[in-house]
Amino acid sequence: MRQYDVVVIGGGIHGVGVAQAAAAAGHSALLLEKKALAAGTSGRSSKLIHGGLRYLETGQFRLVREGLEERRILLRIAPDLVELKAFFLPLYRTARRKVWQLRTGLALYAALGGLRPDCRFESVPRRNWTRLDGLETAGLLKVFRYFDAQTDDALLTRAVMESAQSLGAELAMPAEFLNAQVRDDEVIARYAAPEREIECSARALVNAAGPWIDSVARRISPSPAPRAVDLIQGTHILLPDPLQQGIYYVENPRDGRAVFVMPRGANTLLGTTESVFHGSPDEVAPLSWETDYLLTVLRHYFPRYQDFDAAGVLESWAGLRVLPAGKEAAFRRSRETILDVDNRRRPRVLSIYGGKLTTYRATAGRVLARLSPSLPERTLHADTARLPLRVP
């Protein structure tokens, strides 16, 4: 029976991030993925590497600071995967926020990013408004320009896994986690590989299954105590005709939700929605009302799309994020990543609830820190903040 320091369940960005962090720290690591890397939420995001400007409204300053720092690191170590982009934030006479509020928020965003050149913002002169991809100018009071970054989430996930493998981590795929028995000094895990079942032992087991986290937890004995969470569905749609100037951060005029309109290769990507999902994560799919919701926002801000309807959508996809359960709207809930460990003196099982694409590396570092009492001392192989990530 193979023995590992860490076994990770789930090949999304957090799973591969933990595998990379463990291998970089000198630990033996195995990652189990049922289908394909980034087959779930990590391949269905808004493709953004950002601090989260809108999180300032809910006072999540630590999360924003961390996101901006991780953005800085990723721009340096993955220049072919993460690209700085101009973001345009228009403010209209009918908007709920005032000009001074947006200016204050952007100033705070820049300060939390260390006032680096890539964190600064400016007002777009009125004479240049007509160059902004046909943005509606009636009632327009101000347009701010700031910077964040864009990526290919699935490619980034695969690049992190390749980095982990180069450091000695192993990938079992396709491999379905079957069950695990937690003991005082180890975890015995069983998984199904093609045509056979395999048993291995680990000093620590990490549940990074994203929206499947509870399904995985039920197969662990004794089972970790469940968290009160909601699965939140977010849909994106892909349209023909790319934007030329950058990414637009707008809001639905009815409910104030943030929506991004952004170039995506030769097309335009629009997203996302947020609604509580009930059912199996395997069955998540875009809903017709979500497409209508996004197209309504698009037509509101870009009049050239007035006659565009759902028949013209090239592609759509839906993903699920894990958020704390609550009665308030999903976009007002905390985006903090929750790490749950068992109550042993030397923890054997850790579950990752939630998390952001941008901060996967920082999350992985915290996972290893929480598991350190259970892991042997090893020789450090590398610093993930300096490891180059290359297009797979």
Protein backbone atom coordinates (compact mmCIF):
# COMPACT_ATOMS: atom_id res chain seq x y z
CA MET A 1 0.00 0.00 0.00
CA ARG A 2 1.41 3.37 -1.08
CA GLN A 3 1.92 5.92 1.67
CA TYR A 4 1.69 9.69 1.22
CA ASP A 5 2.01 12.70 3.45
CA VAL A 6 -1.02 14.35 1.81
CA VAL A 7 -3.85 12.99 -0.33
CA VAL A 8 -6.04 15.63 -2.01
CA ILE A 9 -9.53 15.00 -3.40
CA GLY A 10 -10.53 17.31 -6.26
CA GLY A 11 -8.69 18.64 -9.29
CA GLY A 12 -9.94 22.21 -9.21
CA ILE A 13 -7.66 25.18 -8.55
CA HIS A 14 -7.61 24.63 -4.78
CA GLY A 15 -6.86 20.94 -5.06
CA VAL A 16 -3.95 21.45 -7.43
CA GLY A 17 -2.78 24.41 -5.35
CA VAL A 18 -2.56 22.22 -2.24
CA ALA A 19 -0.76 19.49 -4.20
CA GLN A 20 1.78 22.05 -5.44
CA ALA A 21 2.27 23.59 -1.99
CA ALA A 22 2.73 20.16 -0.40
CA ALA A 23 5.25 19.03 -3.01
CA ALA A 24 7.11 22.35 -2.81
CA ALA A 25 7.40 21.83 0.95
CA GLY A 26 8.99 18.44 0.33
CA HIS A 27 5.94 16.29 1.11
CA SER A 28 4.74 13.31 -0.88
CA ALA A 29 1.34 14.15 -2.36
CA LEU A 30 -1.36 12.42 -4.39
CA LEU A 31 -4.28 14.19 -6.05
CA LEU A 32 -7.44 12.28 -6.99
CA GLU A 33 -9.62 13.70 -9.76
CA LYS A 34 -12.76 11.94 -10.98
CA LYS A 35 -13.06 13.47 -14.47
CA ALA A 36 -10.55 16.11 -15.59
CA LEU A 37 -8.65 19.03 -14.10
CA ALA A 38 -10.84 22.13 -13.82
CA ALA A 39 -13.89 20.11 -14.87
CA GLY A 40 -16.06 21.89 -12.29
CA THR A 41 -16.13 25.45 -10.99
CA SER A 42 -12.46 26.14 -11.80
CA GLY A 43 -13.25 25.90 -15.51
CA ARG A 44 -16.48 27.91 -15.35
CA SER A 45 -15.46 31.13 -13.61
CA SER A 46 -15.32 34.72 -14.84
CA LYS A 47 -11.65 34.13 -15.76
CA LEU A 48 -10.53 37.03 -13.58
CA ILE A 49 -7.51 37.42 -11.32
CA HIS A 50 -8.53 40.34 -9.13
CA GLY A 51 -8.66 41.78 -5.65
CA GLY A 52 -12.43 42.04 -5.61
CA LEU A 53 -13.30 45.73 -5.76
CA ARG A 54 -16.95 45.04 -4.85
CA TYR A 55 -15.93 43.24 -1.63
CA LEU A 56 -14.96 46.61 -0.15
CA GLU A 57 -18.65 47.41 0.28
CA THR A 58 -19.01 44.52 2.72
CA GLY A 59 -15.82 45.36 4.59
CA GLN A 60 -13.76 42.39 3.40
CA PHE A 61 -10.53 44.38 3.44
CA ARG A 62 -8.20 41.49 4.32
CA LEU A 63 -9.57 39.46 1.42
CA VAL A 64 -9.08 42.36 -1.01
CA ARG A 65 -5.52 43.00 0.18
CA GLU A 66 -4.67 39.33 -0.18
CA GLY A 67 -6.24 39.17 -3.64
CA LEU A 68 -4.22 42.14 -4.86
CA GLU A 69 -1.01 40.65 -3.49
CA GLU A 70 -1.73 37.30 -5.15
CA ARG A 71 -2.55 39.11 -8.39
CA ARG A 72 0.89 40.76 -8.22
CA ILE A 73 2.58 37.38 -7.72
CA LEU A 74 0.66 35.68 -10.55
CA LEU A 75 1.42 38.49 -12.98
CA ARG A 76 5.10 37.85 -12.25
CA ILE A 77 5.24 34.03 -12.24
CA ALA A 78 2.65 33.38 -14.97
CA PRO A 79 2.97 36.18 -17.55
CA ASP A 80 1.70 33.91 -20.35
CA LEU A 81 -1.39 32.93 -18.34
CA VAL A 82 -2.31 36.09 -16.42
CA GLU A 83 -2.57 39.43 -18.21
CA LEU A 84 -3.23 42.89 -16.78
CA LYS A 85 -6.32 44.47 -18.32
CA ALA A 86 -7.99 47.88 -18.22
CA PHE A 87 -11.37 47.87 -16.46
CA PHE A 88 -13.95 50.59 -17.08
CA LEU A 89 -16.43 51.53 -14.38
CA PRO A 90 -19.19 53.82 -15.69
CA LEU A 91 -21.42 55.81 -13.34
CA TYR A 92 -24.82 57.09 -14.46
CA ARG A 93 -27.21 59.68 -13.09
CA THR A 94 -29.59 56.92 -11.97
CA ALA A 95 -26.91 54.85 -10.19
CA ARG A 96 -27.24 53.98 -6.49
CA ARG A 97 -23.70 55.08 -5.76
CA LYS A 98 -22.30 58.59 -6.00
CA VAL A 99 -19.15 59.66 -7.81
CA TRP A 100 -17.36 60.34 -4.51
CA GLN A 101 -18.22 56.84 -3.26
CA LEU A 102 -16.68 55.17 -6.29
CA ARG A 103 -13.65 57.43 -6.15
CA THR A 104 -13.17 56.60 -2.47
CA GLY A 105 -13.53 52.86 -3.16
CA LEU A 106 -10.97 52.97 -5.97
CA ALA A 107 -8.57 54.99 -3.81
CA LEU A 108 -8.89 52.38 -1.05
CA TYR A 109 -8.40 49.61 -3.63
CA ALA A 110 -5.19 51.28 -4.77
CA ALA A 111 -4.00 51.73 -1.18
CA LEU A 112 -4.65 48.08 -0.32
CA GLY A 113 -2.58 47.17 -3.38
CA GLY A 114 0.36 49.21 -2.12
CA LEU A 115 -0.22 52.10 -4.53
CA ARG A 116 1.73 50.26 -7.22
CA PRO A 117 1.35 51.50 -10.81
CA ASP A 118 -0.95 48.54 -11.62
CA CYS A 119 -3.26 49.58 -8.76
CA ARG A 120 -3.80 53.19 -9.76
CA PHE A 121 -6.95 54.57 -11.35
CA GLU A 122 -8.03 57.59 -13.36
CA SER A 123 -11.05 59.28 -14.87
CA VAL A 124 -11.64 58.79 -18.59
CA PRO A 125 -12.01 62.23 -20.24
CA ARG A 126 -15.48 62.90 -21.64
CA ARG A 127 -14.01 63.39 -25.11
CA ASN A 128 -12.94 59.72 -25.09
CA TRP A 129 -16.29 58.22 -24.07
CA THR A 130 -17.30 57.57 -27.68
CA ARG A 131 -14.33 55.19 -28.01
CA LEU A 132 -15.60 52.85 -25.27
CA ASP A 133 -17.08 50.10 -27.45
CA GLY A 134 -20.42 51.85 -27.90
CA LEU A 135 -21.07 52.33 -24.18
CA GLU A 136 -24.33 54.20 -23.52
CA THR A 137 -23.50 57.87 -22.84
CA ALA A 138 -27.01 59.21 -22.08
CA GLY A 139 -27.05 60.11 -18.39
CA LEU A 140 -23.39 59.14 -18.02
CA LEU A 141 -21.67 61.19 -15.30
CA LYS A 142 -18.26 59.63 -14.98
CA VAL A 143 -16.12 56.74 -16.24
CA PHE A 144 -13.26 55.45 -14.12
CA ARG A 145 -10.47 53.27 -15.44
CA TYR A 146 -8.52 50.92 -13.18
CA PHE A 147 -6.65 47.64 -13.64
CA ASP A 148 -7.15 43.99 -12.77
CA ALA A 149 -6.16 40.81 -14.60
CA GLN A 150 -7.65 38.10 -16.78
CA THR A 151 -6.69 34.45 -17.23
CA ASP A 152 -7.81 31.14 -18.67
CA ASP A 153 -8.93 29.41 -15.47
CA ALA A 154 -8.67 25.86 -16.84
CA LEU A 155 -5.20 26.45 -18.30
CA LEU A 156 -4.03 28.00 -15.04
CA THR A 157 -5.31 24.98 -13.11
CA ARG A 158 -3.46 22.60 -15.40
CA ALA A 159 -0.29 24.69 -15.18
CA VAL A 160 -0.34 24.52 -11.37
CA MET A 161 -0.79 20.74 -11.50
CA GLU A 162 2.11 20.37 -13.92
CA SER A 163 4.22 22.42 -11.52
CA ALA A 164 3.17 20.14 -8.66
CA GLN A 165 4.08 17.05 -10.69
CA SER A 166 7.47 18.50 -11.57
CA LEU A 167 8.10 18.66 -7.81
CA GLY A 168 7.09 15.04 -7.29
CA ALA A 169 3.33 15.16 -6.70
CA GLU A 170 1.28 12.37 -8.28
CA LEU A 171 -2.00 12.68 -10.17
CA ALA A 172 -4.54 9.87 -10.37
CA MET A 173 -7.11 10.71 -13.09
CA PRO A 174 -9.69 9.46 -13.71
CA ALA A 175 -9.92 8.30 -10.13
CA GLU A 176 -13.09 8.35 -8.07
CA PHE A 177 -12.73 8.65 -4.31
CA LEU A 178 -14.67 5.79 -2.70
CA ASN A 179 -14.17 6.12 1.04
CA ALA A 180 -11.70 6.76 3.83
CA GLN A 181 -11.19 5.49 7.34
CA VAL A 182 -9.64 8.02 9.73
CA ARG A 183 -7.34 6.62 12.39
CA ASP A 184 -5.28 8.35 15.06
CA ASP A 185 -2.05 8.18 13.07
CA GLU A 186 -3.21 7.95 9.44
CA VAL A 187 -6.07 7.95 6.97
CA ILE A 188 -6.73 4.89 4.80
CA ALA A 189 -8.27 6.02 1.51
CA ARG A 190 -9.73 3.93 -1.29
CA TYR A 191 -10.33 5.08 -4.84
CA ALA A 192 -11.41 3.53 -8.12
CA ALA A 193 -9.01 3.80 -11.01
CA PRO A 194 -9.74 2.27 -14.43
CA GLU A 195 -10.41 -1.45 -13.95
CA ARG A 196 -9.24 -1.64 -10.32
CA GLU A 197 -9.60 -0.25 -6.83
CA ILE A 198 -6.57 1.10 -4.99
CA GLU A 199 -5.93 1.66 -1.31
CA CYS A 200 -3.41 4.12 0.06
CA SER A 201 -2.56 5.77 3.35
CA ALA A 202 -2.04 9.42 4.14
CA ARG A 203 -0.98 11.43 7.13
CA ALA A 204 -3.61 13.99 6.09
CA LEU A 205 -6.59 14.02 3.72
CA VAL A 206 -7.72 17.27 2.06
CA ASN A 207 -11.28 17.57 0.75
CA ALA A 208 -11.03 20.11 -2.07
CA ALA A 209 -14.07 18.84 -3.97
CA GLY A 210 -15.77 22.24 -4.28
CA PRO A 211 -19.56 21.82 -4.66
CA TRP A 212 -19.14 18.07 -4.14
CA ILE A 213 -17.55 18.66 -0.72
CA ASP A 214 -20.46 17.25 1.31
CA SER A 215 -20.75 14.19 -0.93
CA VAL A 216 -17.07 13.45 -0.31
CA ALA A 217 -17.38 14.12 3.43
CA ARG A 218 -20.14 11.51 3.77
CA ARG A 219 -17.70 8.88 2.52
CA ILE A 220 -15.19 9.63 5.28
CA SER A 221 -15.52 7.72 8.55
CA PRO A 222 -15.98 9.28 11.00
CA SER A 223 -17.59 11.99 8.87
CA PRO A 224 -16.60 15.62 9.46
CA ALA A 225 -19.37 17.81 10.88
CA PRO A 226 -21.18 19.48 7.96
CA ARG A 227 -21.13 23.25 7.43
CA ALA A 228 -24.23 25.35 6.76
CA VAL A 229 -23.55 26.39 3.17
CA ASP A 230 -25.41 27.18 -0.02
CA LEU A 231 -24.41 26.25 -3.53
CA ILE A 232 -24.65 29.37 -5.65
CA GLN A 233 -25.10 28.99 -9.38
CA GLY A 234 -23.39 31.44 -11.70
CA THR A 235 -23.92 31.44 -15.47
CA HIS A 236 -21.80 33.02 -18.21
CA ILE A 237 -22.67 33.52 -21.86
CA LEU A 238 -20.37 33.96 -24.85
CA LEU A 239 -21.34 36.36 -27.64
CA PRO A 240 -19.84 37.20 -31.04
CA ASP A 241 -17.93 40.43 -31.70
CA PRO A 242 -15.20 41.19 -29.13
CA LEU A 243 -14.82 44.39 -27.15
CA GLN A 244 -11.71 46.37 -28.04
CA GLN A 245 -10.93 48.71 -25.15
CA GLY A 246 -11.07 46.44 -22.10
CA ILE A 247 -13.40 44.98 -19.51
CA TYR A 248 -16.56 46.77 -18.30
CA TYR A 249 -17.71 46.52 -14.70
CA VAL A 250 -21.41 47.39 -14.73
CA GLU A 251 -24.37 46.56 -12.51
CA ASN A 252 -27.85 45.31 -13.13
CA PRO A 253 -30.04 48.41 -12.79
CA ARG A 254 -32.74 46.42 -10.98
CA ASP A 255 -30.82 44.71 -8.19
CA GLY A 256 -27.37 46.34 -8.22
CA ARG A 257 -25.51 43.07 -8.89
CA ALA A 258 -22.10 43.39 -10.51
CA VAL A 259 -21.79 42.03 -14.05
CA PHE A 260 -18.63 41.94 -16.15
CA VAL A 261 -18.62 42.41 -19.92
CA MET A 262 -15.23 41.39 -21.26
CA PRO A 263 -13.32 40.36 -24.35
CA ARG A 264 -12.68 36.62 -24.66
CA GLY A 265 -10.57 35.80 -27.70
CA ALA A 266 -12.61 36.74 -30.77
CA ASN A 267 -15.79 36.99 -28.69
CA THR A 268 -17.34 38.73 -25.69
CA LEU A 269 -17.92 37.03 -22.34
CA LEU A 270 -20.71 38.20 -20.04
CA GLY A 271 -21.29 37.09 -16.45
CA THR A 272 -22.27 36.23 -13.93
CA THR A 273 -25.58 35.47 -12.21
CA GLU A 274 -26.07 34.31 -8.62
CA SER A 275 -28.92 32.11 -7.42
CA VAL A 276 -29.19 29.32 -4.84
CA PHE A 277 -28.87 25.90 -6.47
CA HIS A 278 -30.69 22.79 -5.28
CA GLY A 279 -29.82 19.38 -6.62
CA SER A 280 -26.79 17.40 -7.70
CA PRO A 281 -23.76 19.47 -8.76
CA ASP A 282 -23.40 17.07 -11.69
CA GLU A 283 -26.62 18.47 -13.13
CA VAL A 284 -25.91 22.20 -13.02
CA ALA A 285 -26.78 23.93 -16.30
CA PRO A 286 -27.56 27.47 -17.51
CA LEU A 287 -31.19 28.55 -17.13
CA SER A 288 -33.11 30.60 -19.67
CA TRP A 289 -33.85 33.37 -17.16
CA GLU A 290 -30.11 33.74 -16.51
CA THR A 291 -29.43 34.34 -20.19
CA ASP A 292 -32.27 36.89 -20.29
CA TYR A 293 -30.89 38.56 -17.13
CA LEU A 294 -27.42 38.98 -18.64
CA LEU A 295 -28.70 40.13 -22.04
CA THR A 296 -30.89 42.74 -20.32
CA VAL A 297 -27.78 44.18 -18.67
CA LEU A 298 -25.90 44.11 -21.96
CA ARG A 299 -28.63 45.95 -23.87
CA HIS A 300 -28.92 48.53 -21.09
CA TYR A 301 -25.27 49.55 -21.36
CA PHE A 302 -24.47 48.80 -25.01
CA PRO A 303 -27.27 49.99 -27.34
CA ARG A 304 -25.75 48.21 -30.35
CA TYR A 305 -27.07 44.97 -28.83
CA GLN A 306 -30.71 46.15 -28.69
CA ASP A 307 -31.84 43.60 -31.25
CA PHE A 308 -29.66 40.80 -29.92
CA ASP A 309 -31.48 37.84 -28.37
CA ALA A 310 -30.73 34.44 -26.87
CA ALA A 311 -30.60 32.81 -30.30
CA GLY A 312 -27.34 34.66 -30.95
CA VAL A 313 -25.54 33.30 -27.88
CA LEU A 314 -22.59 31.17 -29.01
CA GLU A 315 -22.10 29.25 -25.79
CA SER A 316 -23.17 29.29 -22.14
CA TRP A 317 -22.04 27.47 -19.03
CA ALA A 318 -22.89 27.37 -15.34
CA GLY A 319 -20.68 26.79 -12.32
CA LEU A 320 -21.26 26.49 -8.59
CA ARG A 321 -19.55 28.27 -5.74
CA VAL A 322 -19.84 27.39 -2.07
CA LEU A 323 -20.93 30.26 0.19
CA PRO A 324 -22.05 30.47 3.82
CA ALA A 325 -25.77 29.83 4.14
CA GLY A 326 -27.85 32.96 4.74
CA LYS A 327 -30.96 34.91 3.88
CA GLU A 328 -29.20 37.89 2.34
CA ALA A 329 -28.45 38.10 -1.39
CA ALA A 330 -25.53 35.91 -2.44
CA PHE A 331 -23.43 38.86 -3.64
CA ARG A 332 -23.49 40.35 -0.12
CA ARG A 333 -22.16 37.22 1.63
CA SER A 334 -18.58 36.70 2.76
CA ARG A 335 -16.12 35.36 0.19
CA GLU A 336 -13.65 34.27 2.85
CA THR A 337 -12.34 30.73 2.39
CA ILE A 338 -13.23 28.44 5.32
CA LEU A 339 -10.82 25.67 6.34
CA ASP A 340 -12.46 23.03 8.53
CA VAL A 341 -10.24 20.52 10.34
CA ASP A 342 -11.19 17.60 12.56
CA ASN A 343 -10.83 17.96 16.32
CA ARG A 344 -7.79 15.73 16.71
CA ARG A 345 -4.60 17.08 18.27
CA ARG A 346 -2.95 16.04 15.03
CA PRO A 347 -5.63 16.82 12.42
CA ARG A 348 -6.15 14.19 9.76
CA VAL A 349 -8.94 15.67 7.61
CA LEU A 350 -9.24 19.23 6.29
CA SER A 351 -12.12 20.51 4.13
CA ILE A 352 -11.92 23.64 1.96
CA TYR A 353 -15.19 25.58 1.74
CA GLY A 354 -15.43 28.33 -0.83
CA GLY A 355 -12.36 30.12 -2.10
CA LYS A 356 -11.34 32.36 -4.98
CA LEU A 357 -9.39 31.53 -8.10
CA THR A 358 -7.09 34.47 -7.42
CA THR A 359 -6.06 33.41 -3.92
CA TYR A 360 -5.59 29.67 -4.46
CA ARG A 361 -1.87 29.87 -3.61
CA ALA A 362 -2.42 31.70 -0.31
CA THR A 363 -5.19 29.25 0.60
CA ALA A 364 -2.87 26.30 -0.07
CA GLY A 365 -0.28 27.82 2.25
CA ARG A 366 -2.85 28.07 5.03
CA VAL A 367 -3.94 24.47 4.45
CA LEU A 368 -0.39 23.23 4.99
CA ALA A 369 -0.02 25.40 8.08
CA ARG A 370 -3.18 23.92 9.60
CA LEU A 371 -1.99 20.39 8.85
CA SER A 372 1.59 20.94 10.02
CA PRO A 373 1.10 19.10 13.37
CA SER A 374 0.29 15.95 11.36
CA LEU A 375 3.05 16.23 8.78
CA PRO A 376 6.69 15.19 9.17
CA GLU A 377 9.51 17.68 8.77
CA ARG A 378 10.76 17.73 5.19
CA THR A 379 13.36 19.65 3.20
CA LEU A 380 11.82 22.64 1.39
CA HIS A 381 12.05 22.16 -2.38
CA ALA A 382 10.71 25.47 -3.68
CA ASP A 383 8.75 28.66 -2.96
CA THR A 384 5.47 28.69 -4.89
CA ALA A 385 5.60 32.49 -5.03
CA ARG A 386 8.69 32.15 -7.25
CA LEU A 387 7.89 29.05 -9.25
CA PRO A 388 7.17 29.93 -12.90
CA LEU A 389 3.86 28.68 -14.28
CA ARG A 390 3.83 27.92 -17.97
CA VAL A 391 1.07 27.26 -20.49
CA PRO A 392 0.55 23.48 -20.46
